[in-house]
C-alpha atoms as a PDB file:
ATOM      1  CA  UNK A   1      15.348  -5.042  28.956  1.00  0.00           C
ATOM      2  CA  UNK A   2      13.410  -2.187  27.360  1.00  0.00           C
ATOM      3  CA  UNK A   3       9.849  -3.073  26.315  1.00  0.00           C
ATOM      4  CA  UNK A   4       8.065  -1.003  23.693  1.00  0.00           C
ATOM      5  CA  UNK A   5       4.453  -1.327  22.581  1.00  0.00           C
ATOM      6  CA  UNK A   6       3.871  -1.301  18.831  1.00  0.00           C
ATOM      7  CA  UNK A   7       0.762  -0.982  16.696  1.00  0.00           C
ATOM      8  CA  UNK A   8       0.688  -3.252  13.639  1.00  0.00           C
ATOM      9  CA  UNK A   9      -1.517  -2.356  10.675  1.00  0.00           C
ATOM     10  CA  UNK A  10      -2.352  -5.292   8.438  1.00  0.00           C
ATOM     11  CA  UNK A  11      -4.796  -6.563   5.845  1.00  0.00           C
ATOM     12  CA  UNK A  12      -5.884 -10.083   5.036  1.00  0.00           C
ATOM     13  CA  UNK A  13      -8.026 -12.319   2.889  1.00  0.00           C
ATOM     14  CA  UNK A  14      -9.857 -14.381   5.485  1.00  0.00           C
ATOM     15  CA  UNK A  15     -10.946 -17.206   3.182  1.00  0.00           C
ATOM     16  CA  UNK A  16      -8.469 -19.782   4.487  1.00  0.00           C
ATOM     17  CA  UNK A  17      -8.656 -18.722   8.131  1.00  0.00           C
ATOM     18  CA  UNK A  18     -10.963 -19.490  11.006  1.00  0.00           C
ATOM     19  CA  UNK A  19     -11.224 -15.806  11.864  1.00  0.00           C
ATOM     20  CA  UNK A  20      -8.723 -13.509  13.559  1.00  0.00           C
ATOM     21  CA  UNK A  21      -8.449 -14.925  17.058  1.00  0.00           C
ATOM     22  CA  UNK A  22      -6.149 -17.807  17.935  1.00  0.00           C
ATOM     23  CA  UNK A  23      -8.028 -20.974  18.863  1.00  0.00           C
ATOM     24  CA  UNK A  24      -7.161 -24.638  19.240  1.00  0.00           C
ATOM     25  CA  UNK A  25      -7.174 -26.904  16.179  1.00  0.00           C
ATOM     26  CA  UNK A  26      -7.799 -24.054  13.728  1.00  0.00           C
ATOM     27  CA  UNK A  27      -5.572 -21.812  11.629  1.00  0.00           C
ATOM     28  CA  UNK A  28      -6.206 -18.120  12.333  1.00  0.00           C
ATOM     29  CA  UNK A  29      -4.764 -14.794  11.258  1.00  0.00           C
ATOM     30  CA  UNK A  30      -3.542 -13.952  14.769  1.00  0.00           C
ATOM     31  CA  UNK A  31      -1.742 -17.277  14.978  1.00  0.00           C
ATOM     32  CA  UNK A  32       0.095 -16.629  11.700  1.00  0.00           C
ATOM     33  CA  UNK A  33       1.003 -13.057  12.669  1.00  0.00           C
ATOM     34  CA  UNK A  34       2.321 -14.026  16.096  1.00  0.00           C
ATOM     35  CA  UNK A  35       4.379 -16.841  14.586  1.00  0.00           C
ATOM     36  CA  UNK A  36       6.005 -14.512  12.026  1.00  0.00           C
ATOM     37  CA  UNK A  37       6.733 -11.804  14.605  1.00  0.00           C
ATOM     38  CA  UNK A  38       8.154 -14.319  17.064  1.00  0.00           C
ATOM     39  CA  UNK A  39      10.459 -15.839  14.447  1.00  0.00           C
ATOM     40  CA  UNK A  40      11.763 -12.522  13.163  1.00  0.00           C
ATOM     41  CA  UNK A  41      12.255 -10.769  16.514  1.00  0.00           C
ATOM     42  CA  UNK A  42      13.460 -13.977  18.209  1.00  0.00           C
ATOM     43  CA  UNK A  43      11.158 -13.624  21.209  1.00  0.00           C
ATOM     44  CA  UNK A  44       7.660 -14.835  22.104  1.00  0.00           C
ATOM     45  CA  UNK A  45       5.114 -12.365  20.712  1.00  0.00           C
ATOM     46  CA  UNK A  46       1.411 -12.339  21.601  1.00  0.00           C
ATOM     47  CA  UNK A  47      -0.543  -9.715  19.693  1.00  0.00           C
ATOM     48  CA  UNK A  48      -3.980  -8.375  20.582  1.00  0.00           C
ATOM     49  CA  UNK A  49      -6.346  -7.347  17.792  1.00  0.00           C
ATOM     50  CA  UNK A  50      -8.799  -4.505  17.393  1.00  0.00           C
ATOM     51  CA  UNK A  51     -11.623  -7.034  17.276  1.00  0.00           C
ATOM     52  CA  UNK A  52     -12.602 -10.514  16.204  1.00  0.00           C
ATOM     53  CA  UNK A  53     -13.499 -11.285  12.608  1.00  0.00           C
ATOM     54  CA  UNK A  54     -15.327 -14.528  11.920  1.00  0.00           C
ATOM     55  CA  UNK A  55     -14.147 -17.356   9.695  1.00  0.00           C
ATOM     56  CA  UNK A  56     -14.026 -16.249   6.068  1.00  0.00           C
ATOM     57  CA  UNK A  57     -14.314 -12.513   6.824  1.00  0.00           C
ATOM     58  CA  UNK A  58     -11.709 -10.187   5.298  1.00  0.00           C
ATOM     59  CA  UNK A  59      -9.992  -7.006   6.481  1.00  0.00           C
ATOM     60  CA  UNK A  60      -8.501  -4.271   4.323  1.00  0.00           C
ATOM     61  CA  UNK A  61      -7.501  -2.403   7.479  1.00  0.00           C
ATOM     62  CA  UNK A  62      -6.938  -4.135  10.810  1.00  0.00           C
ATOM     63  CA  UNK A  63      -4.832  -3.130  13.805  1.00  0.00           C
ATOM     64  CA  UNK A  64      -3.183  -5.194  16.503  1.00  0.00           C
ATOM     65  CA  UNK A  65      -0.748  -4.266  19.250  1.00  0.00           C
ATOM     66  CA  UNK A  66       2.196  -6.210  20.618  1.00  0.00           C
ATOM     67  CA  UNK A  67       4.965  -5.589  23.145  1.00  0.00           C
ATOM     68  CA  UNK A  68       8.509  -6.154  21.878  1.00  0.00           C
ATOM     69  CA  UNK A  69      11.695  -6.207  23.945  1.00  0.00           C
ATOM     70  CA  UNK A  70      14.761  -4.249  22.836  1.00  0.00           C
ATOM     71  CA  UNK A  71      13.287  -3.311  19.452  1.00  0.00           C
ATOM     72  CA  UNK A  72      13.470   0.291  18.238  1.00  0.00           C
ATOM     73  CA  UNK A  73      10.799   1.892  16.058  1.00  0.00           C
ATOM     74  CA  UNK A  74      13.290   2.171  13.206  1.00  0.00           C
ATOM     75  CA  UNK A  75      14.206  -1.503  13.463  1.00  0.00           C
ATOM     76  CA  UNK A  76      10.536  -2.502  13.508  1.00  0.00           C
ATOM     77  CA  UNK A  77       9.719  -0.342  10.476  1.00  0.00           C
ATOM     78  CA  UNK A  78      12.703  -1.755   8.566  1.00  0.00           C
ATOM     79  CA  UNK A  79      11.505  -5.287   9.307  1.00  0.00           C
ATOM     80  CA  UNK A  80       8.338  -5.021   7.202  1.00  0.00           C
ATOM     81  CA  UNK A  81       9.730  -6.837   4.169  1.00  0.00           C
ATOM     82  CA  UNK A  82      11.148  -9.694   6.215  1.00  0.00           C
ATOM     83  CA  UNK A  83       7.977 -10.122   8.281  1.00  0.00           C
ATOM     84  CA  UNK A  84       5.837 -10.189   5.151  1.00  0.00           C
ATOM     85  CA  UNK A  85       8.139 -12.829   3.696  1.00  0.00           C
ATOM     86  CA  UNK A  86       7.405 -15.004   6.730  1.00  0.00           C
ATOM     87  CA  UNK A  87       3.637 -14.529   6.444  1.00  0.00           C
ATOM     88  CA  UNK A  88       1.292 -16.391   4.086  1.00  0.00           C
ATOM     89  CA  UNK A  89       0.477 -14.420   0.947  1.00  0.00           C
ATOM     90  CA  UNK A  90      -3.088 -13.783   2.178  1.00  0.00           C
ATOM     91  CA  UNK A  91      -1.798 -11.666   5.111  1.00  0.00           C
ATOM     92  CA  UNK A  92       0.143  -8.428   4.642  1.00  0.00           C
ATOM     93  CA  UNK A  93       1.600  -6.150   7.319  1.00  0.00           C
ATOM     94  CA  UNK A  94       1.472  -2.534   6.106  1.00  0.00           C
ATOM     95  CA  UNK A  95       3.254  -0.713   8.925  1.00  0.00           C
ATOM     96  CA  UNK A  96       4.565  -1.101  12.467  1.00  0.00           C
ATOM     97  CA  UNK A  97       4.917   1.941  14.693  1.00  0.00           C
ATOM     98  CA  UNK A  98       5.595   2.685  18.344  1.00  0.00           C
ATOM     99  CA  UNK A  99       2.776   3.855  20.639  1.00  0.00           C
ATOM    100  CA  UNK A 100       2.398   4.693  24.311  1.00  0.00           C
ATOM    101  CA  UNK A 101       2.634   1.782  26.741  1.00  0.00           C
ATOM    102  CA  UNK A 102      -1.084   1.942  27.566  1.00  0.00           C
ATOM    103  CA  UNK A 103      -2.324   2.211  23.961  1.00  0.00           C
ATOM    104  CA  UNK A 104      -4.815  -0.565  23.208  1.00  0.00           C
ATOM    105  CA  UNK A 105      -5.811  -1.806  19.757  1.00  0.00           C
ATOM    106  CA  UNK A 106      -9.296  -2.821  20.873  1.00  0.00           C
ATOM    107  CA  UNK A 107     -10.351  -0.420  23.607  1.00  0.00           C
ATOM    108  CA  UNK A 108      -8.869   2.780  22.161  1.00  0.00           C
ATOM    109  CA  UNK A 109     -10.666   2.491  18.822  1.00  0.00           C
ATOM    110  CA  UNK A 110     -13.340   5.185  18.536  1.00  0.00           C
ATOM    111  CA  UNK A 111     -14.976   3.999  15.306  1.00  0.00           C
ATOM    112  CA  UNK A 112     -15.044   1.022  12.983  1.00  0.00           C
ATOM    113  CA  UNK A 113     -16.377   0.605   9.443  1.00  0.00           C
ATOM    114  CA  UNK A 114     -17.432  -2.515   7.555  1.00  0.00           C
ATOM    115  CA  UNK A 115     -18.463  -3.106   3.960  1.00  0.00           C
ATOM    116  CA  UNK A 116     -20.513  -5.956   2.578  1.00  0.00           C
ATOM    117  CA  UNK A 117     -20.139  -6.769  -1.131  1.00  0.00           C
ATOM    118  CA  UNK A 118     -22.757  -8.318  -3.441  1.00  0.00           C
ATOM    119  CA  UNK A 119     -22.380  -9.260  -7.095  1.00  0.00           C
ATOM    120  CA  UNK A 120     -25.200 -10.368  -9.382  1.00  0.00           C
ATOM    121  CA  UNK A 121     -23.477 -12.314 -12.157  1.00  0.00           C
ATOM    122  CA  UNK A 122     -21.183 -15.290 -11.800  1.00  0.00           C
ATOM    123  CA  UNK A 123     -17.584 -14.075 -11.660  1.00  0.00           C
ATOM    124  CA  UNK A 124     -14.684 -16.423 -10.797  1.00  0.00           C
ATOM    125  CA  UNK A 125     -12.588 -13.439  -9.668  1.00  0.00           C
ATOM    126  CA  UNK A 126     -15.096 -12.641  -6.920  1.00  0.00           C
ATOM    127  CA  UNK A 127     -15.148 -16.163  -5.513  1.00  0.00           C
ATOM    128  CA  UNK A 128     -14.883 -16.018  -1.704  1.00  0.00           C
ATOM    129  CA  UNK A 129     -14.675 -12.203  -1.844  1.00  0.00           C
ATOM    130  CA  UNK A 130     -18.281 -11.227  -2.566  1.00  0.00           C
ATOM    131  CA  UNK A 131     -21.745 -12.781  -2.266  1.00  0.00           C
ATOM    132  CA  UNK A 132     -23.291 -13.938  -5.545  1.00  0.00           C
ATOM    133  CA  UNK A 133     -26.942 -12.912  -5.267  1.00  0.00           C
ATOM    134  CA  UNK A 134     -29.310 -13.487  -8.177  1.00  0.00           C
ATOM    135  CA  UNK A 135     -32.724 -12.159  -7.091  1.00  0.00           C
ATOM    136  CA  UNK A 136     -33.941  -8.562  -7.655  1.00  0.00           C
ATOM    137  CA  UNK A 137     -33.510  -6.141  -4.741  1.00  0.00           C
ATOM    138  CA  UNK A 138     -35.247  -2.824  -4.028  1.00  0.00           C
ATOM    139  CA  UNK A 139     -32.168  -0.785  -3.104  1.00  0.00           C
ATOM    140  CA  UNK A 140     -34.187   2.350  -2.240  1.00  0.00           C
ATOM    141  CA  UNK A 141     -36.246   0.414   0.304  1.00  0.00           C
ATOM    142  CA  UNK A 142     -33.089  -1.139   1.734  1.00  0.00           C
ATOM    143  CA  UNK A 143     -31.513   2.290   2.099  1.00  0.00           C
ATOM    144  CA  UNK A 144     -34.576   3.630   3.901  1.00  0.00           C
ATOM    145  CA  UNK A 145     -34.421   0.733   6.357  1.00  0.00           C
ATOM    146  CA  UNK A 146     -30.649   1.090   6.762  1.00  0.00           C
ATOM    147  CA  UNK A 147     -31.032   4.804   7.574  1.00  0.00           C
ATOM    148  CA  UNK A 148     -33.467   3.943  10.369  1.00  0.00           C
ATOM    149  CA  UNK A 149     -30.673   2.104  12.201  1.00  0.00           C
ATOM    150  CA  UNK A 150     -29.244   5.485  13.224  1.00  0.00           C
ATOM    151  CA  UNK A 151     -32.312   6.008  15.421  1.00  0.00           C
ATOM    152  CA  UNK A 152     -31.485   3.033  17.653  1.00  0.00           C
ATOM    153  CA  UNK A 153     -28.774   2.098  20.128  1.00  0.00           C
ATOM    154  CA  UNK A 154     -29.726  -1.418  21.313  1.00  0.00           C
ATOM    155  CA  UNK A 155     -28.978  -4.024  18.650  1.00  0.00           C
ATOM    156  CA  UNK A 156     -29.746  -7.218  20.550  1.00  0.00           C
ATOM    157  CA  UNK A 157     -31.857  -8.336  17.565  1.00  0.00           C
ATOM    158  CA  UNK A 158     -28.678  -8.634  15.493  1.00  0.00           C
ATOM    159  CA  UNK A 159     -26.366 -10.055  18.151  1.00  0.00           C
ATOM    160  CA  UNK A 160     -25.088 -13.604  18.217  1.00  0.00           C
ATOM    161  CA  UNK A 161     -26.571 -15.308  21.258  1.00  0.00           C
ATOM    162  CA  UNK A 162     -24.552 -16.564  24.226  1.00  0.00           C
ATOM    163  CA  UNK A 163     -21.840 -13.900  24.055  1.00  0.00           C
ATOM    164  CA  UNK A 164     -20.030 -12.345  26.983  1.00  0.00           C
ATOM    165  CA  UNK A 165     -20.724  -8.716  25.932  1.00  0.00           C
ATOM    166  CA  UNK A 166     -21.537  -6.362  28.781  1.00  0.00           C
ATOM    167  CA  UNK A 167     -23.938  -4.313  26.637  1.00  0.00           C
ATOM    168  CA  UNK A 168     -25.600  -4.586  23.247  1.00  0.00           C
ATOM    169  CA  UNK A 169     -25.636  -0.823  22.764  1.00  0.00           C
ATOM    170  CA  UNK A 170     -23.815   0.647  19.756  1.00  0.00           C
ATOM    171  CA  UNK A 171     -23.842   4.079  18.148  1.00  0.00           C
ATOM    172  CA  UNK A 172     -24.230   3.666  14.376  1.00  0.00           C
ATOM    173  CA  UNK A 173     -23.117   6.750  12.441  1.00  0.00           C
ATOM    174  CA  UNK A 174     -23.697   5.624   8.844  1.00  0.00           C
ATOM    175  CA  UNK A 175     -25.484   2.776   7.059  1.00  0.00           C
ATOM    176  CA  UNK A 176     -26.164   2.832   3.310  1.00  0.00           C
ATOM    177  CA  UNK A 177     -26.057   0.882   0.054  1.00  0.00           C
ATOM    178  CA  UNK A 178     -24.204   2.004  -3.056  1.00  0.00           C
ATOM    179  CA  UNK A 179     -24.811   0.453  -6.457  1.00  0.00           C
ATOM    180  CA  UNK A 180     -21.736  -0.226  -8.596  1.00  0.00           C
ATOM    181  CA  UNK A 181     -21.189  -1.450 -12.153  1.00  0.00           C
ATOM    182  CA  UNK A 182     -20.556  -4.928 -10.776  1.00  0.00           C
ATOM    183  CA  UNK A 183     -22.987  -5.172  -7.888  1.00  0.00           C
ATOM    184  CA  UNK A 184     -23.832  -3.580  -4.579  1.00  0.00           C
ATOM    185  CA  UNK A 185     -21.857  -2.442  -1.532  1.00  0.00           C
ATOM    186  CA  UNK A 186     -23.299  -1.872   1.934  1.00  0.00           C
ATOM    187  CA  UNK A 187     -21.274   0.325   4.295  1.00  0.00           C
ATOM    188  CA  UNK A 188     -21.846   0.708   8.021  1.00  0.00           C
ATOM    189  CA  UNK A 189     -19.853   2.561  10.697  1.00  0.00           C
ATOM    190  CA  UNK A 190     -20.251   2.594  14.474  1.00  0.00           C
ATOM    191  CA  UNK A 191     -18.319   3.032  17.687  1.00  0.00           C
ATOM    192  CA  UNK A 192     -18.483  -0.737  18.218  1.00  0.00           C
ATOM    193  CA  UNK A 193     -20.131  -3.844  16.771  1.00  0.00           C
ATOM    194  CA  UNK A 194     -21.589  -6.990  18.301  1.00  0.00           C
ATOM    195  CA  UNK A 195     -20.596 -10.468  17.148  1.00  0.00           C
ATOM    196  CA  UNK A 196     -22.239 -11.320  13.809  1.00  0.00           C
ATOM    197  CA  UNK A 197     -24.081  -7.961  13.910  1.00  0.00           C
ATOM    198  CA  UNK A 198     -23.262  -6.725  10.403  1.00  0.00           C
ATOM    199  CA  UNK A 199     -24.090 -10.003   8.683  1.00  0.00           C
ATOM    200  CA  UNK A 200     -27.401 -10.228  10.561  1.00  0.00           C
ATOM    201  CA  UNK A 201     -28.290  -6.631   9.676  1.00  0.00           C
ATOM    202  CA  UNK A 202     -27.520  -7.241   5.997  1.00  0.00           C
ATOM    203  CA  UNK A 203     -29.561 -10.448   6.022  1.00  0.00           C
ATOM    204  CA  UNK A 204     -32.551  -8.569   7.407  1.00  0.00           C
ATOM    205  CA  UNK A 205     -32.107  -5.682   4.960  1.00  0.00           C
ATOM    206  CA  UNK A 206     -32.125  -8.222   2.126  1.00  0.00           C
ATOM    207  CA  UNK A 207     -35.583  -9.270   3.330  1.00  0.00           C
ATOM    208  CA  UNK A 208     -36.619  -5.634   2.907  1.00  0.00           C
ATOM    209  CA  UNK A 209     -35.084  -5.594  -0.577  1.00  0.00           C
ATOM    210  CA  UNK A 210     -37.014  -8.737  -1.513  1.00  0.00           C
ATOM    211  CA  UNK A 211     -40.203  -7.043  -0.224  1.00  0.00           C
ATOM    212  CA  UNK A 212     -40.738  -9.794   2.329  1.00  0.00           C
ATOM    213  CA  UNK A 213     -40.899  -7.161   5.072  1.00  0.00           C
ATOM    214  CA  UNK A 214     -41.457  -3.379   5.051  1.00  0.00           C
ATOM    215  CA  UNK A 215     -39.810  -0.492   6.842  1.00  0.00           C
ATOM    216  CA  UNK A 216     -42.244  -0.769   9.750  1.00  0.00           C
ATOM    217  CA  UNK A 217     -41.481  -4.469  10.109  1.00  0.00           C
ATOM    218  CA  UNK A 218     -37.764  -3.749  10.073  1.00  0.00           C
ATOM    219  CA  UNK A 219     -37.954  -1.167  12.861  1.00  0.00           C
ATOM    220  CA  UNK A 220     -40.225  -3.498  14.829  1.00  0.00           C
ATOM    221  CA  UNK A 221     -37.536  -6.204  14.561  1.00  0.00           C
ATOM    222  CA  UNK A 222     -34.914  -3.825  15.967  1.00  0.00           C
ATOM    223  CA  UNK A 223     -37.234  -2.761  18.797  1.00  0.00           C
ATOM    224  CA  UNK A 224     -38.068  -6.388  19.665  1.00  0.00           C
ATOM    225  CA  UNK A 225     -34.492  -7.115  20.828  1.00  0.00           C
ATOM    226  CA  UNK A 226     -35.136 -10.668  19.657  1.00  0.00           C
ATOM    227  CA  UNK A 227     -32.570 -12.318  17.368  1.00  0.00           C
ATOM    228  CA  UNK A 228     -35.054 -14.934  16.180  1.00  0.00           C
ATOM    229  CA  UNK A 229     -37.137 -12.224  14.503  1.00  0.00           C
ATOM    230  CA  UNK A 230     -34.274 -10.910  12.372  1.00  0.00           C
ATOM    231  CA  UNK A 231     -33.108 -12.404   9.098  1.00  0.00           C
ATOM    232  CA  UNK A 232     -30.437 -15.018   8.552  1.00  0.00           C
ATOM    233  CA  UNK A 233     -26.809 -13.953   8.574  1.00  0.00           C
ATOM    234  CA  UNK A 234     -25.424 -13.488   5.071  1.00  0.00           C
ATOM    235  CA  UNK A 235     -22.312 -15.454   4.023  1.00  0.00           C
ATOM    236  CA  UNK A 236     -18.983 -14.341   5.495  1.00  0.00           C
ATOM    237  CA  UNK A 237     -17.270 -14.075   2.091  1.00  0.00           C
ATOM    238  CA  UNK A 238     -18.721 -10.623   1.328  1.00  0.00           C
ATOM    239  CA  UNK A 239     -17.763  -8.926   4.593  1.00  0.00           C
ATOM    240  CA  UNK A 240     -14.740  -6.642   5.007  1.00  0.00           C
ATOM    241  CA  UNK A 241     -13.464  -4.636   7.950  1.00  0.00           C
ATOM    242  CA  UNK A 242     -12.344  -1.505   6.092  1.00  0.00           C
ATOM    243  CA  UNK A 243     -11.429   1.114   8.673  1.00  0.00           C
ATOM    244  CA  UNK A 244     -10.538   1.617  12.351  1.00  0.00           C
ATOM    245  CA  UNK A 245     -10.144   5.073  13.860  1.00  0.00           C
ATOM    246  CA  UNK A 246      -7.919   5.955  16.827  1.00  0.00           C
ATOM    247  CA  UNK A 247      -7.377   9.448  18.244  1.00  0.00           C
ATOM    248  CA  UNK A 248      -3.589   8.987  18.055  1.00  0.00           C
ATOM    249  CA  UNK A 249      -3.201   7.227  14.663  1.00  0.00           C
ATOM    250  CA  UNK A 250      -3.039   9.079  11.338  1.00  0.00           C
END
């Protein structure tokens, strides 16, 4: 049998799911994707994702890879409609394409971007997709603190404890807030992220915006490498994985 590795680009609303990664006694995005692929291609399929999103976190762009036996690239591309019909409405596969046998959805990614969405007035159409926040925020101060993140590489202060990560070093390339007509969006990009890192960073930046801490306090928190000094993690509903970059994917 001929085995071909495929990359699968998908998006999902994570509200109903206990994150990306398959786990016992919980419904996850990976579980639903693998089930749909296995049914359509009539073979066991075990995908591997570009990372792990937590329960309630969304993705407008997510990649996974899977090995399929005796499936051509044309056949896989033509299967999009049928695979999407097998998936819950909250998960959509955008494309499937062949890659080299050693291509890896997680380890070959060179950059990732997340956005965190705030809104300030009650809006039923933003339920579970943005964080309703009602207090005033100093966006300029938050942006100054966010920009300082580019001066650091060790983000232990924003890492979920008891993880199996080999290093807490990340290279952040952008971090900024943008005001919109409906609220506020925080965008951050890096070569990699630690578990819960973005939500912990946003929670600490909110403390800056509330004037509970200043820029000096914020940088001191980063330098401390102590998670207990940072702010609380913001709710998962506002977080989106929005981009993944690979050297071989357009």
